[in-house]
Amino acid sequence: MLLRFRWGYPGVHVNSAAAPTSQPSPPRRREKNSGQEGCKPTAVQPCPRWPTRGDPVKSTLAMKWASAYAGRAAQRSVCSPPAPNFFPDDVDDLVSLRQPLCFSSSPPLQVAAAPAPPATAETDEAQRTTRAAAMATTSKPAAAVDPEVAIAHRFPEVSFDYDERDVALYALGVGACGDDAVDDKELHLVYHRDGQPHIKVLPTFVSLFPNKNSNGLGIVDVPGLNFDASLLLHGQQYIEIYRPIPSFASVVNKVKVAGLHDKGKATILELETTTSLRESGEIICMNRSTVYLRGAGGFSDSSRPYTYATYPANQVHRISIPNLAPSAVYDDQTKQSQALLYRLSGDYNPLHSDPDIAQVAGFTRPILHGLCTLGFAARAVIKSFCNGEPAAVKSIFGRFLLHVYPGETLSTEMWLDGQKVHYQTKVKERNRAVLSGYVLLQHIPSSLAETGDRSTGGASTTNQAAAPTYGGETGHDQRG
């Protein structure tokens, strides 16, 4: 999830000899590149390599989204390459990644200032007044974060409907029945098999709900926040399921700031979305999205840094990957079109579909949605330990570590610990961890916990460990 900010124009350098503040800015306009590495400066001119291809709508999106990932690169003569670990594990690593993503190797362009009008006594006086007002307003820089404003903000409630088509489309988007169209453990996610009245719903389907409060691009207004959007990271996602998720419903989202923490070099913002049935008011689930605002910390006393949370500290457990052989390993190869399919569920961030914008952001091609990767990991746990029954899941936690390219193989290693399954998902081709976390299940029989058998899923399924059988919508163990 991203946050709304004032969009800038990446790839544009402003001449230090700027026009007086009282002089209106020249109109923004675009000139076709002559094909040379640089081109003739105009009043306002974007980078000559800007990937718009003459489409005005795409041009606007490109400027906005590249600004989110390039940011201050417009003030540098040479762009920096993206950090090797785009989503680090801890806050100290997160706040150390201050370099913007490289979006152009072209020389910086200069923007000519508008010519000043002839000097007169009246214009001199107006300029002096304007400069004095500017000094008065800039003598004390605005704080990066105003916690009272952010916490006091009341987000509007959002109502929406979904149906079985949305549920099935999401399941396909996170790989269900991808290797086997008649998979015994997943066909019920997309088809009414054996007369079942409704298809079943993956628990991570609800991770789509917070996007309903945005504009379709993941943008949500949060007053009181002032930060560099090029340093923003969606770091974690926590989901709680309170009842079996219906395959179609009319629901209402309620959003609040659940956490705000000053970490010195960064601010951590936690947005909590609670979703309930519109008619009865019964709560279905809760999503908590953790966003790291690097470079926006230090707004409180360093000896007593500001921290605020509405939930108990022990609600979310620390990620602990055991130093043991995993209880199960599940390999799942994503499709080249995986991101294009997943985006149809409502996340239209062009970083995952537009090759030009992906290159602007520093990637060789569009990357997979982080929440899509989380859906793959949850499927691996459900198939390995729940016999394919999605209602067995009570809560899910995931920390995003690195990007995934569509077409890569996701290898999820899992360790069973009572009712909790710790997992770590790696990209097999690069041997890099991209996601880690845990899934808390409703119930795990002691017989499964004691076996400790190792299994391998996906296309190379061999020696699969016995898994409990869940029945009905409550997810209780129904073994004889």
Protein backbone atom coordinates (compact mmCIF):
# COMPACT_ATOMS: atom_id res chain seq x y z
CA MET A 1 0.00 0.00 0.00
CA LEU A 2 1.34 3.43 -0.90
CA LEU A 3 0.37 6.78 0.54
CA ARG A 4 -0.64 9.90 -1.31
CA PHE A 5 1.97 12.62 -1.61
CA ARG A 6 2.64 15.63 -3.77
CA TRP A 7 3.82 14.32 -7.11
CA GLY A 8 7.11 15.61 -8.51
CA TYR A 9 8.60 15.49 -11.99
CA PRO A 10 11.55 13.10 -12.06
CA GLY A 11 14.26 13.66 -14.61
CA VAL A 12 13.92 17.44 -14.40
CA HIS A 13 16.66 19.70 -13.03
CA VAL A 14 15.92 23.27 -12.12
CA ASN A 15 18.41 26.05 -12.82
CA SER A 16 19.71 27.63 -9.63
CA ALA A 17 18.89 31.03 -11.07
CA ALA A 18 15.18 30.52 -10.51
CA ALA A 19 12.56 33.10 -11.18
CA PRO A 20 11.29 35.19 -8.25
CA THR A 21 8.65 33.53 -6.15
CA SER A 22 6.11 36.10 -7.25
CA GLN A 23 6.57 35.11 -10.89
CA PRO A 24 4.15 32.36 -12.02
CA SER A 25 5.72 29.11 -13.18
CA PRO A 26 5.99 28.61 -16.94
CA PRO A 27 3.55 26.13 -18.43
CA ARG A 28 4.63 22.50 -18.38
CA ARG A 29 5.00 21.06 -21.85
CA ARG A 30 6.65 18.14 -23.60
CA GLU A 31 8.80 18.17 -26.73
CA LYS A 32 9.53 15.17 -28.87
CA ASN A 33 13.08 13.87 -28.40
CA SER A 34 15.30 14.41 -31.38
CA GLY A 35 16.86 10.98 -30.83
CA GLN A 36 20.06 12.32 -29.28
CA GLU A 37 21.15 11.49 -25.74
CA GLY A 38 20.36 15.04 -24.70
CA CYS A 39 18.02 17.56 -26.26
CA LYS A 40 17.47 21.27 -26.30
CA PRO A 41 16.27 22.61 -22.95
CA THR A 42 12.81 24.14 -22.88
CA ALA A 43 10.77 25.88 -20.22
CA VAL A 44 9.96 22.52 -18.64
CA GLN A 45 11.16 19.31 -20.22
CA PRO A 46 11.11 15.76 -18.88
CA CYS A 47 13.92 13.30 -19.36
CA PRO A 48 14.30 12.46 -23.11
CA ARG A 49 14.09 8.74 -22.27
CA TRP A 50 10.69 9.14 -20.60
CA PRO A 51 8.57 6.12 -21.61
CA THR A 52 5.21 7.63 -22.57
CA ARG A 53 4.97 6.77 -26.26
CA GLY A 54 2.60 9.64 -26.93
CA ASP A 55 -0.19 8.39 -24.68
CA PRO A 56 -1.35 11.30 -22.45
CA VAL A 57 -2.94 9.00 -19.86
CA LYS A 58 0.13 6.80 -19.73
CA SER A 59 2.29 9.92 -19.59
CA THR A 60 0.53 11.09 -16.42
CA LEU A 61 0.76 7.67 -14.77
CA ALA A 62 4.39 7.32 -15.74
CA MET A 63 5.28 10.67 -14.18
CA LYS A 64 3.44 9.84 -10.99
CA TRP A 65 4.71 6.31 -10.49
CA ALA A 66 8.26 6.97 -11.53
CA SER A 67 8.23 9.84 -9.08
CA ALA A 68 7.32 7.37 -6.35
CA TYR A 69 10.31 5.17 -7.13
CA ALA A 70 12.82 7.70 -8.42
CA GLY A 71 12.07 10.67 -6.16
CA ARG A 72 15.19 12.63 -5.43
CA ALA A 73 17.04 11.22 -8.39
CA ALA A 74 15.92 14.40 -10.16
CA GLN A 75 18.36 16.29 -7.93
CA ARG A 76 21.32 14.03 -8.72
CA SER A 77 23.54 14.07 -11.78
CA VAL A 78 24.05 10.31 -11.62
CA CYS A 79 21.37 7.86 -10.52
CA SER A 80 22.16 5.16 -8.03
CA PRO A 81 21.36 1.49 -8.72
CA PRO A 82 18.67 -0.21 -6.65
CA ALA A 83 19.78 -1.78 -3.42
CA PRO A 84 20.36 -5.54 -3.68
CA ASN A 85 17.84 -6.31 -0.93
CA PHE A 86 14.86 -4.12 -1.78
CA PHE A 87 12.89 -5.11 1.33
CA PRO A 88 15.39 -5.58 4.20
CA ASP A 89 14.58 -7.49 7.36
CA ASP A 90 14.90 -4.83 10.04
CA VAL A 91 14.38 -1.12 10.46
CA ASP A 92 18.10 -0.33 10.68
CA ASP A 93 18.65 -1.87 7.26
CA LEU A 94 15.53 -0.23 5.89
CA VAL A 95 16.50 3.27 6.88
CA SER A 96 20.03 2.84 5.52
CA LEU A 97 18.77 2.42 1.95
CA ARG A 98 18.55 6.07 1.10
CA GLN A 99 19.62 5.96 -2.53
CA PRO A 100 16.81 6.38 -5.08
CA LEU A 101 16.28 3.83 -7.80
CA CYS A 102 18.04 4.60 -11.07
CA PHE A 103 15.61 5.56 -13.80
CA SER A 104 17.80 7.15 -16.46
CA SER A 105 21.45 7.18 -17.52
CA SER A 106 21.02 10.31 -19.62
CA PRO A 107 22.81 13.53 -18.63
CA PRO A 108 20.72 15.79 -16.42
CA LEU A 109 18.71 18.40 -18.25
CA GLN A 110 18.56 22.02 -17.23
CA VAL A 111 15.30 23.90 -17.06
CA ALA A 112 15.50 27.49 -18.14
CA ALA A 113 13.92 29.97 -15.79
CA ALA A 114 11.25 32.24 -17.15
CA PRO A 115 12.64 35.69 -18.05
CA ALA A 116 12.09 38.22 -15.30
CA PRO A 117 10.00 41.30 -16.10
CA PRO A 118 11.72 44.70 -16.30
CA ALA A 119 12.59 45.98 -12.86
CA THR A 120 10.44 48.78 -11.48
CA ALA A 121 9.95 50.24 -8.05
CA GLU A 122 6.65 48.37 -7.71
CA THR A 123 8.09 45.02 -8.75
CA ASP A 124 11.11 45.48 -6.45
CA GLU A 125 8.79 46.13 -3.53
CA ALA A 126 6.62 43.14 -4.42
CA GLN A 127 9.68 40.89 -4.62
CA ARG A 128 10.97 42.10 -1.25
CA THR A 129 7.57 41.42 0.32
CA THR A 130 7.43 37.96 -1.25
CA ARG A 131 10.93 37.09 -0.05
CA ALA A 132 10.13 38.24 3.47
CA ALA A 133 6.97 36.15 3.54
CA ALA A 134 8.89 33.14 2.25
CA MET A 135 11.56 33.54 4.95
CA ALA A 136 8.87 33.78 7.61
CA THR A 137 7.21 30.60 6.47
CA THR A 138 10.42 28.62 5.97
CA SER A 139 12.35 29.65 9.06
CA LYS A 140 10.99 26.58 10.83
CA PRO A 141 10.78 23.52 8.58
CA ALA A 142 7.59 21.49 8.83
CA ALA A 143 7.87 18.28 10.80
CA ALA A 144 7.98 15.13 8.70
CA VAL A 145 5.23 13.57 10.82
CA ASP A 146 2.52 15.14 12.94
CA PRO A 147 1.39 12.13 14.99
CA GLU A 148 -1.64 13.82 16.48
CA VAL A 149 -3.04 14.71 13.07
CA ALA A 150 -2.34 11.25 11.62
CA ILE A 151 -3.88 9.37 14.56
CA ALA A 152 -6.92 11.63 14.83
CA HIS A 153 -7.81 11.25 11.15
CA ARG A 154 -11.08 9.44 10.53
CA PHE A 155 -11.06 7.48 7.31
CA PRO A 156 -14.35 7.21 5.44
CA GLU A 157 -16.08 3.84 5.50
CA VAL A 158 -16.18 2.06 2.15
CA SER A 159 -18.85 -0.46 1.15
CA PHE A 160 -18.41 -2.92 -1.70
CA ASP A 161 -19.62 -6.25 -3.02
CA TYR A 162 -17.76 -9.29 -4.28
CA ASP A 163 -18.92 -12.58 -5.74
CA GLU A 164 -17.67 -16.04 -6.66
CA ARG A 165 -16.14 -14.77 -9.88
CA ASP A 166 -13.86 -12.46 -7.85
CA VAL A 167 -12.97 -15.32 -5.50
CA ALA A 168 -12.13 -17.74 -8.31
CA LEU A 169 -10.18 -15.11 -10.26
CA TYR A 170 -8.07 -14.39 -7.19
CA ALA A 171 -7.38 -18.10 -6.63
CA LEU A 172 -6.13 -18.41 -10.21
CA GLY A 173 -4.08 -15.25 -9.73
CA VAL A 174 -2.13 -16.81 -6.85
CA GLY A 175 -1.50 -20.08 -8.71
CA ALA A 176 -4.40 -22.36 -7.76
CA CYS A 177 -4.70 -25.29 -10.20
CA GLY A 178 -1.77 -23.83 -12.11
CA ASP A 179 0.05 -27.16 -12.55
CA ASP A 180 -2.99 -29.43 -12.48
CA ALA A 181 -6.40 -28.15 -13.58
CA VAL A 182 -8.13 -30.95 -11.64
CA ASP A 183 -6.03 -30.76 -8.47
CA ASP A 184 -7.98 -32.55 -5.72
CA LYS A 185 -6.93 -30.01 -3.11
CA GLU A 186 -7.61 -26.86 -5.13
CA LEU A 187 -10.39 -27.48 -7.63
CA HIS A 188 -12.96 -26.50 -4.98
CA LEU A 189 -11.40 -23.00 -5.00
CA VAL A 190 -12.63 -22.37 -8.54
CA TYR A 191 -15.41 -24.90 -9.19
CA HIS A 192 -18.50 -26.36 -7.47
CA ARG A 193 -17.14 -29.85 -7.24
CA ASP A 194 -19.29 -32.80 -6.13
CA GLY A 195 -22.33 -30.60 -5.72
CA GLN A 196 -20.78 -28.20 -3.21
CA PRO A 197 -23.09 -25.13 -3.04
CA HIS A 198 -20.27 -22.55 -3.04
CA ILE A 199 -16.62 -22.46 -3.97
CA LYS A 200 -14.19 -22.10 -1.07
CA VAL A 201 -12.22 -18.95 -0.36
CA LEU A 202 -8.48 -18.68 0.24
CA PRO A 203 -7.75 -16.70 3.41
CA THR A 204 -5.41 -14.32 1.58
CA PHE A 205 -8.32 -13.25 -0.65
CA VAL A 206 -9.10 -10.69 2.07
CA SER A 207 -5.72 -9.02 1.48
CA LEU A 208 -7.48 -7.36 -1.49
CA PHE A 209 -9.96 -5.58 0.79
CA PRO A 210 -7.73 -2.66 1.90
CA ASN A 211 -7.24 -1.72 -1.76
CA LYS A 212 -10.94 -0.84 -1.91
CA ASN A 213 -10.13 2.25 0.17
CA SER A 214 -7.64 3.44 -2.42
CA ASN A 215 -7.96 4.72 -5.95
CA GLY A 216 -7.11 1.37 -7.54
CA LEU A 217 -3.39 2.16 -7.54
CA GLY A 218 -2.87 1.56 -3.83
CA ILE A 219 -2.97 5.25 -2.87
CA VAL A 220 -4.54 6.15 0.49
CA ASP A 221 -4.70 9.63 2.06
CA VAL A 222 -3.12 9.92 5.51
CA PRO A 223 -2.93 13.53 6.76
CA GLY A 224 -0.03 14.56 8.97
CA LEU A 225 2.63 12.64 7.02
CA ASN A 226 5.42 14.38 5.13
CA PHE A 227 7.96 12.08 3.50
CA ASP A 228 9.96 11.19 0.42
CA ALA A 229 7.85 8.70 -1.49
CA SER A 230 10.93 7.21 -3.18
CA LEU A 231 11.91 5.82 0.25
CA LEU A 232 8.56 4.20 1.06
CA LEU A 233 8.33 0.42 1.51
CA HIS A 234 5.39 -1.88 2.15
CA GLY A 235 7.23 -4.09 4.59
CA GLN A 236 4.72 -6.42 6.27
CA GLN A 237 1.16 -7.73 6.14
CA TYR A 238 -0.80 -9.30 8.99
CA ILE A 239 -4.22 -10.92 8.51
CA GLU A 240 -6.69 -12.31 11.05
CA ILE A 241 -9.69 -14.41 9.99
CA TYR A 242 -12.61 -14.37 12.44
CA ARG A 243 -15.09 -16.59 10.58
CA PRO A 244 -15.24 -18.61 7.35
CA ILE A 245 -15.05 -16.18 4.44
CA PRO A 246 -18.22 -16.26 2.34
CA SER A 247 -17.81 -16.73 -1.40
CA PHE A 248 -20.01 -13.67 -2.04
CA ALA A 249 -20.99 -10.82 0.27
CA SER A 250 -21.69 -7.14 0.73
CA VAL A 251 -19.12 -5.79 3.18
CA VAL A 252 -17.88 -2.58 4.79
CA ASN A 253 -14.27 -1.49 5.39
CA LYS A 254 -13.27 0.57 8.42
CA VAL A 255 -9.70 1.90 8.44
CA LYS A 256 -7.65 3.43 11.23
CA VAL A 257 -4.04 4.14 12.11
CA ALA A 258 -3.13 1.21 14.35
CA GLY A 259 0.51 2.06 14.89
CA LEU A 260 2.95 4.94 14.49
CA HIS A 261 6.56 4.63 15.62
CA ASP A 262 9.54 6.98 15.42
CA LYS A 263 12.66 4.92 14.71
CA GLY A 264 15.01 7.86 14.32
CA LYS A 265 15.88 7.35 10.67
CA ALA A 266 12.43 6.10 9.71
CA THR A 267 8.80 6.18 10.71
CA ILE A 268 6.74 3.00 10.81
CA LEU A 269 3.06 3.44 9.94
CA GLU A 270 0.52 0.67 10.49
CA LEU A 271 -2.87 0.91 8.80
CA GLU A 272 -5.57 -1.46 10.03
CA THR A 273 -8.59 -2.38 7.89
CA THR A 274 -11.48 -4.20 9.58
CA THR A 275 -14.07 -5.72 7.25
CA SER A 276 -17.59 -6.66 8.35
CA LEU A 277 -20.78 -7.89 6.71
CA ARG A 278 -22.94 -4.94 5.72
CA GLU A 279 -26.27 -6.38 6.94
CA SER A 280 -25.35 -8.07 10.22
CA GLY A 281 -22.22 -6.10 11.13
CA GLU A 282 -20.38 -9.34 11.88
CA ILE A 283 -16.62 -8.88 11.47
CA ILE A 284 -15.04 -11.18 8.90
CA CYS A 285 -11.37 -10.26 9.02
CA MET A 286 -8.70 -7.69 9.78
CA ASN A 287 -5.72 -6.58 7.67
CA ARG A 288 -2.80 -4.64 9.12
CA SER A 289 -0.38 -3.19 6.57
CA THR A 290 3.01 -1.99 7.81
CA VAL A 291 4.62 0.79 5.81
CA TYR A 292 8.20 2.00 6.34
CA LEU A 293 8.75 5.70 5.66
CA ARG A 294 12.53 5.93 5.42
CA GLY A 295 13.98 9.36 6.04
CA ALA A 296 10.81 10.56 7.83
CA GLY A 297 11.84 9.69 11.40
CA GLY A 298 13.24 11.86 14.14
CA PHE A 299 10.04 13.80 14.80
CA SER A 300 10.18 13.12 18.55
CA ASP A 301 12.68 13.23 21.41
CA SER A 302 15.39 10.64 20.66
CA SER A 303 15.68 9.78 24.36
CA ARG A 304 11.97 8.90 24.42
CA PRO A 305 10.97 8.16 20.83
CA TYR A 306 7.31 8.36 20.00
CA THR A 307 5.46 5.06 19.74
CA TYR A 308 1.76 4.36 19.43
CA ALA A 309 -0.16 1.13 18.94
CA THR A 310 -3.76 0.08 19.39
CA TYR A 311 -3.08 -3.66 19.62
CA PRO A 312 -1.27 -5.80 22.23
CA ALA A 313 2.44 -6.32 21.71
CA ASN A 314 2.13 -10.11 21.71
CA GLN A 315 -0.51 -10.21 18.97
CA VAL A 316 2.11 -10.58 16.24
CA HIS A 317 4.95 -12.99 16.94
CA ARG A 318 8.53 -12.53 15.84
CA ILE A 319 9.61 -14.46 12.78
CA SER A 320 11.87 -17.34 13.76
CA ILE A 321 13.16 -19.66 11.05
CA PRO A 322 14.30 -22.90 12.74
CA ASN A 323 17.80 -24.14 12.08
CA LEU A 324 16.40 -27.53 11.14
CA ALA A 325 15.37 -29.39 8.02
CA PRO A 326 11.90 -28.13 7.03
CA SER A 327 8.83 -30.23 7.72
CA ALA A 328 7.69 -29.64 4.14
CA VAL A 329 8.92 -27.94 0.98
CA TYR A 330 6.55 -26.86 -1.77
CA ASP A 331 7.77 -25.71 -5.20
CA ASP A 332 5.45 -23.67 -7.39
CA GLN A 333 6.48 -22.09 -10.69
CA THR A 334 4.76 -18.81 -11.43
CA LYS A 335 3.56 -18.05 -14.95
CA GLN A 336 5.03 -15.35 -17.15
CA SER A 337 1.56 -13.78 -17.09
CA GLN A 338 1.09 -14.17 -13.31
CA ALA A 339 1.19 -10.45 -12.50
CA LEU A 340 -1.14 -9.64 -15.40
CA LEU A 341 -3.63 -12.18 -14.08
CA TYR A 342 -3.32 -11.10 -10.45
CA ARG A 343 -3.82 -7.40 -11.27
CA LEU A 344 -7.34 -8.20 -12.49
CA SER A 345 -8.26 -8.65 -8.82
CA GLY A 346 -7.92 -4.90 -8.35
CA ASP A 347 -4.26 -3.95 -7.87
CA TYR A 348 -3.52 -1.90 -10.99
CA ASN A 349 -0.11 -0.52 -10.02
CA PRO A 350 1.62 -0.29 -13.43
CA LEU A 351 4.90 -1.41 -11.87
CA HIS A 352 3.53 -4.95 -12.27
CA SER A 353 2.36 -4.64 -15.87
CA ASP A 354 4.13 -1.84 -17.75
CA PRO A 355 7.71 -2.70 -18.84
CA ASP A 356 8.61 0.96 -19.27
CA ILE A 357 7.60 1.90 -15.74
CA ALA A 358 9.32 -1.21 -14.35
CA GLN A 359 12.56 -0.05 -15.99
CA VAL A 360 12.02 3.42 -14.58
CA ALA A 361 11.80 1.79 -11.14
CA GLY A 362 15.10 -0.04 -11.68
CA PHE A 363 13.80 -3.50 -12.65
CA THR A 364 14.50 -5.30 -15.91
CA ARG A 365 10.79 -6.05 -16.35
CA PRO A 366 7.51 -5.91 -14.36
CA ILE A 367 7.65 -7.63 -10.99
CA LEU A 368 5.11 -9.76 -9.17
CA HIS A 369 2.88 -8.16 -6.53
CA GLY A 370 4.15 -8.82 -3.01
CA LEU A 371 0.67 -9.83 -1.86
CA CYS A 372 0.53 -12.28 -4.75
CA THR A 373 3.67 -13.95 -3.40
CA LEU A 374 1.99 -14.07 0.01
CA GLY A 375 -0.95 -15.89 -1.61
CA PHE A 376 1.41 -18.49 -3.08
CA ALA A 377 2.98 -19.09 0.34
CA ALA A 378 -0.41 -19.45 2.05
CA ARG A 379 -1.48 -21.98 -0.61
CA ALA A 380 1.68 -23.99 0.07
CA VAL A 381 0.84 -24.18 3.78
CA ILE A 382 -2.81 -25.10 3.15
CA LYS A 383 -1.91 -27.88 0.71
CA SER A 384 0.89 -29.25 2.89
CA PHE A 385 -0.80 -29.20 6.31
CA CYS A 386 -4.55 -28.60 5.88
CA ASN A 387 -5.43 -31.04 3.10
CA GLY A 388 -6.41 -28.07 0.95
CA GLU A 389 -9.02 -26.71 3.40
CA PRO A 390 -8.69 -22.89 3.50
CA ALA A 391 -10.97 -22.52 6.56
CA ALA A 392 -8.20 -24.10 8.66
CA VAL A 393 -6.26 -20.80 8.71
CA LYS A 394 -6.65 -18.47 11.69
CA SER A 395 -4.04 -15.78 10.96
CA ILE A 396 -1.21 -15.02 8.54
CA PHE A 397 1.89 -12.88 8.84
CA GLY A 398 4.30 -12.06 6.04
CA ARG A 399 7.39 -9.88 5.69
CA PHE A 400 8.39 -8.86 2.18
CA LEU A 401 12.11 -9.24 1.57
CA LEU A 402 12.78 -9.09 -2.16
CA HIS A 403 11.00 -8.79 -5.50
CA VAL A 404 9.90 -11.73 -7.67
CA TYR A 405 9.83 -11.81 -11.47
CA PRO A 406 6.88 -13.62 -13.08
CA GLY A 407 8.03 -16.99 -14.38
CA GLU A 408 10.35 -17.69 -11.45
CA THR A 409 9.87 -20.70 -9.18
CA LEU A 410 8.76 -20.06 -5.59
CA SER A 411 10.09 -22.65 -3.15
CA THR A 412 8.34 -22.44 0.23
CA GLU A 413 10.04 -24.15 3.16
CA MET A 414 7.78 -24.83 6.15
CA TRP A 415 8.38 -25.84 9.77
CA LEU A 416 5.49 -27.11 11.87
CA ASP A 417 5.51 -25.86 15.48
CA GLY A 418 2.29 -26.82 17.26
CA GLN A 419 -0.51 -24.90 15.55
CA LYS A 420 1.94 -22.54 13.90
CA VAL A 421 3.69 -23.09 10.59
CA HIS A 422 6.81 -20.99 10.08
CA TYR A 423 7.67 -20.50 6.43
CA GLN A 424 10.30 -18.97 4.20
CA THR A 425 9.75 -18.52 0.46
CA LYS A 426 12.73 -18.37 -1.87
CA VAL A 427 13.17 -17.79 -5.58
CA LYS A 428 14.69 -21.07 -6.67
CA GLU A 429 16.53 -19.70 -9.69
CA ARG A 430 18.34 -17.03 -7.65
CA ASN A 431 18.35 -18.83 -4.27
CA ARG A 432 17.17 -15.64 -2.58
CA ALA A 433 14.58 -15.36 0.18
CA VAL A 434 11.71 -13.13 -0.91
CA LEU A 435 9.17 -13.66 1.91
CA SER A 436 9.09 -15.03 5.44
CA GLY A 437 6.49 -15.33 8.16
CA TYR A 438 4.08 -17.76 9.76
CA VAL A 439 0.55 -19.13 9.46
CA LEU A 440 -1.45 -19.91 12.59
CA LEU A 441 -3.89 -22.78 12.08
CA GLN A 442 -7.14 -23.55 13.88
CA HIS A 443 -5.95 -26.97 14.99
CA ILE A 444 -3.15 -29.42 14.25
CA PRO A 445 -3.54 -33.01 15.46
CA SER A 446 -0.73 -34.19 17.72
CA SER A 447 -0.07 -37.12 15.40
CA LEU A 448 1.00 -34.75 12.63
CA ALA A 449 3.08 -32.60 14.96
CA GLU A 450 4.95 -35.67 16.20
CA THR A 451 5.76 -37.19 12.81
CA GLY A 452 8.11 -34.46 11.65
CA ASP A 453 8.01 -36.02 8.19
CA ARG A 454 9.50 -34.05 5.36
CA SER A 455 7.51 -33.56 2.17
CA THR A 456 8.02 -31.85 -1.13
CA GLY A 457 5.10 -30.31 -3.03
CA GLY A 458 4.58 -28.77 -6.41
CA ALA A 459 5.60 -30.50 -9.59
CA SER A 460 8.06 -32.78 -7.79
CA THR A 461 5.75 -34.15 -5.09
CA THR A 462 7.32 -37.14 -3.30
CA ASN A 463 6.86 -38.79 0.09
CA GLN A 464 4.23 -36.29 1.21
CA ALA A 465 3.54 -36.28 4.94
CA ALA A 466 0.13 -37.16 6.26
CA ALA A 467 -2.05 -34.08 6.61
CA PRO A 468 -5.17 -33.58 8.73
CA THR A 469 -8.56 -33.57 7.10
CA TYR A 470 -10.72 -30.53 7.76
CA GLY A 471 -14.43 -30.59 7.09
CA GLY A 472 -17.31 -28.14 7.13
CA GLU A 473 -16.94 -24.40 7.35
CA THR A 474 -15.62 -24.32 10.90
CA GLY A 475 -12.30 -25.90 10.05
CA HIS A 476 -12.32 -28.39 12.94
CA ASP A 477 -10.54 -31.71 12.65
CA GLN A 478 -12.97 -34.31 11.28
CA ARG A 479 -10.75 -37.40 11.33
CA GLY A 480 -12.38 -40.60 12.46
